[in-house]
C-alpha atoms as a PDB file:
ATOM      1  CA  MET A   1    -162.059  20.984  -1.428  1.00  0.00           C
ATOM      2  CA  PRO A   2    -162.495  22.065   2.203  1.00  0.00           C
ATOM      3  CA  VAL A   3    -164.396  19.914   4.684  1.00  0.00           C
ATOM      4  CA  ILE A   4    -166.612  21.294   7.443  1.00  0.00           C
ATOM      5  CA  VAL A   5    -167.340  19.384  10.641  1.00  0.00           C
ATOM      6  CA  THR A   6    -169.630  19.994  13.573  1.00  0.00           C
ATOM      7  CA  ALA A   7    -169.056  18.140  16.808  1.00  0.00           C
ATOM      8  CA  ILE A   8    -171.776  18.499  19.422  1.00  0.00           C
ATOM      9  CA  PHE A   9    -170.687  17.772  22.983  1.00  0.00           C
ATOM     10  CA  HIS A  10    -173.426  16.865  25.488  1.00  0.00           C
ATOM     11  CA  PRO A  11    -172.223  17.945  28.938  1.00  0.00           C
ATOM     12  CA  ALA A  12    -172.994  15.748  31.919  1.00  0.00           C
ATOM     13  CA  GLU A  13    -175.147  17.498  34.493  1.00  0.00           C
ATOM     14  CA  GLY A  14    -173.145  20.183  36.273  1.00  0.00           C
ATOM     15  CA  LYS A  15    -170.019  19.507  34.161  1.00  0.00           C
ATOM     16  CA  LYS A  16    -170.326  22.072  31.364  1.00  0.00           C
ATOM     17  CA  ASP A  17    -167.638  24.413  32.711  1.00  0.00           C
ATOM     18  CA  GLN A  18    -165.221  21.507  33.160  1.00  0.00           C
ATOM     19  CA  LEU A  19    -166.004  20.303  29.633  1.00  0.00           C
ATOM     20  CA  ILE A  20    -165.225  23.744  28.232  1.00  0.00           C
ATOM     21  CA  GLU A  21    -161.982  23.928  30.222  1.00  0.00           C
ATOM     22  CA  ALA A  22    -160.927  20.492  28.928  1.00  0.00           C
ATOM     23  CA  LEU A  23    -161.617  21.589  25.353  1.00  0.00           C
ATOM     24  CA  GLN A  24    -159.770  24.881  25.804  1.00  0.00           C
ATOM     25  CA  ALA A  25    -156.755  23.066  27.221  1.00  0.00           C
ATOM     26  CA  THR A  26    -156.473  20.570  24.377  1.00  0.00           C
ATOM     27  CA  MET A  27    -157.534  22.588  21.314  1.00  0.00           C
ATOM     28  CA  PRO A  28    -154.244  24.491  20.787  1.00  0.00           C
ATOM     29  CA  ALA A  29    -152.537  21.252  19.698  1.00  0.00           C
ATOM     30  CA  VAL A  30    -155.215  20.764  17.044  1.00  0.00           C
ATOM     31  CA  HIS A  31    -154.755  24.340  15.821  1.00  0.00           C
ATOM     32  CA  GLU A  32    -151.143  23.391  14.985  1.00  0.00           C
ATOM     33  CA  GLU A  33    -152.125  20.446  12.775  1.00  0.00           C
ATOM     34  CA  ASP A  34    -151.639  20.675   9.020  1.00  0.00           C
ATOM     35  CA  GLY A  35    -154.872  21.562   7.276  1.00  0.00           C
ATOM     36  CA  CYS A  36    -156.696  23.012  10.279  1.00  0.00           C
ATOM     37  CA  LEU A  37    -158.385  26.241   9.167  1.00  0.00           C
ATOM     38  CA  LEU A  38    -160.930  26.506  11.992  1.00  0.00           C
ATOM     39  CA  TYR A  39    -161.446  24.625  15.243  1.00  0.00           C
ATOM     40  CA  ALA A  40    -163.719  26.685  17.482  1.00  0.00           C
ATOM     41  CA  ILE A  41    -166.239  25.964  20.254  1.00  0.00           C
ATOM     42  CA  HIS A  42    -169.557  27.669  20.899  1.00  0.00           C
ATOM     43  CA  ASP A  43    -172.022  27.652  23.788  1.00  0.00           C
ATOM     44  CA  ALA A  44    -175.309  26.522  22.214  1.00  0.00           C
ATOM     45  CA  GLU A  45    -178.677  27.616  23.570  1.00  0.00           C
ATOM     46  CA  ASP A  46    -179.762  23.976  24.032  1.00  0.00           C
ATOM     47  CA  GLY A  47    -177.056  23.430  26.672  1.00  0.00           C
ATOM     48  CA  THR A  48    -174.594  21.659  24.397  1.00  0.00           C
ATOM     49  CA  VAL A  49    -171.160  22.840  23.335  1.00  0.00           C
ATOM     50  CA  THR A  50    -170.779  22.877  19.558  1.00  0.00           C
ATOM     51  CA  MET A  51    -167.443  22.743  17.801  1.00  0.00           C
ATOM     52  CA  ILE A  52    -167.193  24.016  14.242  1.00  0.00           C
ATOM     53  CA  GLU A  53    -164.217  22.801  12.258  1.00  0.00           C
ATOM     54  CA  LYS A  54    -162.879  23.578   8.813  1.00  0.00           C
ATOM     55  CA  TRP A  55    -160.163  21.482   7.175  1.00  0.00           C
ATOM     56  CA  THR A  56    -158.363  22.060   3.888  1.00  0.00           C
ATOM     57  CA  SER A  57    -159.235  18.563   2.640  1.00  0.00           C
ATOM     58  CA  ALA A  58    -160.667  15.181   3.531  1.00  0.00           C
ATOM     59  CA  GLU A  59    -157.079  13.949   3.834  1.00  0.00           C
ATOM     60  CA  SER A  60    -156.202  16.557   6.471  1.00  0.00           C
ATOM     61  CA  LEU A  61    -159.376  15.695   8.406  1.00  0.00           C
ATOM     62  CA  ARG A  62    -158.514  11.994   8.206  1.00  0.00           C
ATOM     63  CA  ALA A  63    -155.011  12.674   9.557  1.00  0.00           C
ATOM     64  CA  HIS A  64    -156.527  14.741  12.372  1.00  0.00           C
ATOM     65  CA  SER A  65    -158.992  11.994  13.278  1.00  0.00           C
ATOM     66  CA  GLN A  66    -156.113   9.518  13.635  1.00  0.00           C
ATOM     67  CA  GLY A  67    -153.747  11.904  15.411  1.00  0.00           C
ATOM     68  CA  SER A  68    -152.610  12.240  18.980  1.00  0.00           C
ATOM     69  CA  ALA A  69    -154.145  15.700  19.500  1.00  0.00           C
ATOM     70  CA  VAL A  70    -157.724  14.559  18.954  1.00  0.00           C
ATOM     71  CA  GLY A  71    -157.021  11.443  21.011  1.00  0.00           C
ATOM     72  CA  ALA A  72    -155.908  13.619  23.908  1.00  0.00           C
ATOM     73  CA  LEU A  73    -158.965  15.841  23.468  1.00  0.00           C
ATOM     74  CA  GLY A  74    -161.303  12.845  23.547  1.00  0.00           C
ATOM     75  CA  LYS A  75    -159.687  11.487  26.671  1.00  0.00           C
ATOM     76  CA  ALA A  76    -159.837  14.905  28.369  1.00  0.00           C
ATOM     77  CA  VAL A  77    -163.565  15.480  27.708  1.00  0.00           C
ATOM     78  CA  GLU A  78    -164.782  11.923  28.375  1.00  0.00           C
ATOM     79  CA  PRO A  79    -165.432  12.429  32.125  1.00  0.00           C
ATOM     80  CA  PHE A  80    -167.574  15.491  31.412  1.00  0.00           C
ATOM     81  CA  ILE A  81    -169.971  14.283  28.699  1.00  0.00           C
ATOM     82  CA  SER A  82    -173.247  12.418  29.167  1.00  0.00           C
ATOM     83  CA  GLU A  83    -173.377  10.745  25.745  1.00  0.00           C
ATOM     84  CA  PRO A  84    -171.186  10.250  22.703  1.00  0.00           C
ATOM     85  CA  THR A  85    -170.277  13.376  20.771  1.00  0.00           C
ATOM     86  CA  THR A  86    -172.432  13.884  17.677  1.00  0.00           C
ATOM     87  CA  VAL A  87    -170.087  14.458  14.719  1.00  0.00           C
ATOM     88  CA  THR A  88    -171.307  15.541  11.279  1.00  0.00           C
ATOM     89  CA  THR A  89    -168.985  15.966   8.290  1.00  0.00           C
ATOM     90  CA  MET A  90    -170.094  18.242   5.453  1.00  0.00           C
ATOM     91  CA  THR A  91    -168.941  19.456   2.060  1.00  0.00           C
ATOM     92  CA  PRO A  92    -169.615  23.160   1.369  1.00  0.00           C
ATOM     93  CA  ILE A  93    -172.191  24.113  -1.257  1.00  0.00           C
ATOM     94  CA  SER A  94    -171.581  27.498  -2.850  1.00  0.00           C
ATOM     95  CA  ALA A  95    -174.414  30.018  -2.674  1.00  0.00           C
ATOM     96  CA  GLY A  96    -174.107  33.734  -3.358  1.00  0.00           C
ATOM     97  CA  SER A  97    -170.719  35.362  -2.893  1.00  0.00           C
ATOM     98  CA  ALA A  98    -167.581  33.434  -2.001  1.00  0.00           C
ATOM     99  CA  GLU A  99    -167.097  35.629   1.084  1.00  0.00           C
ATOM    100  CA  ARG A 100    -170.557  35.005   2.536  1.00  0.00           C
ATOM    101  CA  GLY A 101    -171.790  31.901   0.775  1.00  0.00           C
ATOM    102  CA  LEU A 102    -169.056  29.491   1.889  1.00  0.00           C
ATOM    103  CA  LEU A 103    -167.694  28.670   5.320  1.00  0.00           C
END
């Protein structure tokens, strides 16, 4: 079963552009990981940067969380965030059609 993750990055004052650049520079390595279906960032209206992830399984997410790509990403963004990243892991709940009711 797929696993969905949101990671909310809280930019330090005046560092949002640098945070985004650090994410953009390190995300391609994650896109190459087994099980990565989606790993995308979004500019949220509250000033945060929200990442939405989709993994084929809990096992692929676990491998990602222990891998070098996410370690490099964490190290790259650390100077540009004001607080720890808020990470939420979710399991999809089907509603309506498969095309529109599941991420």
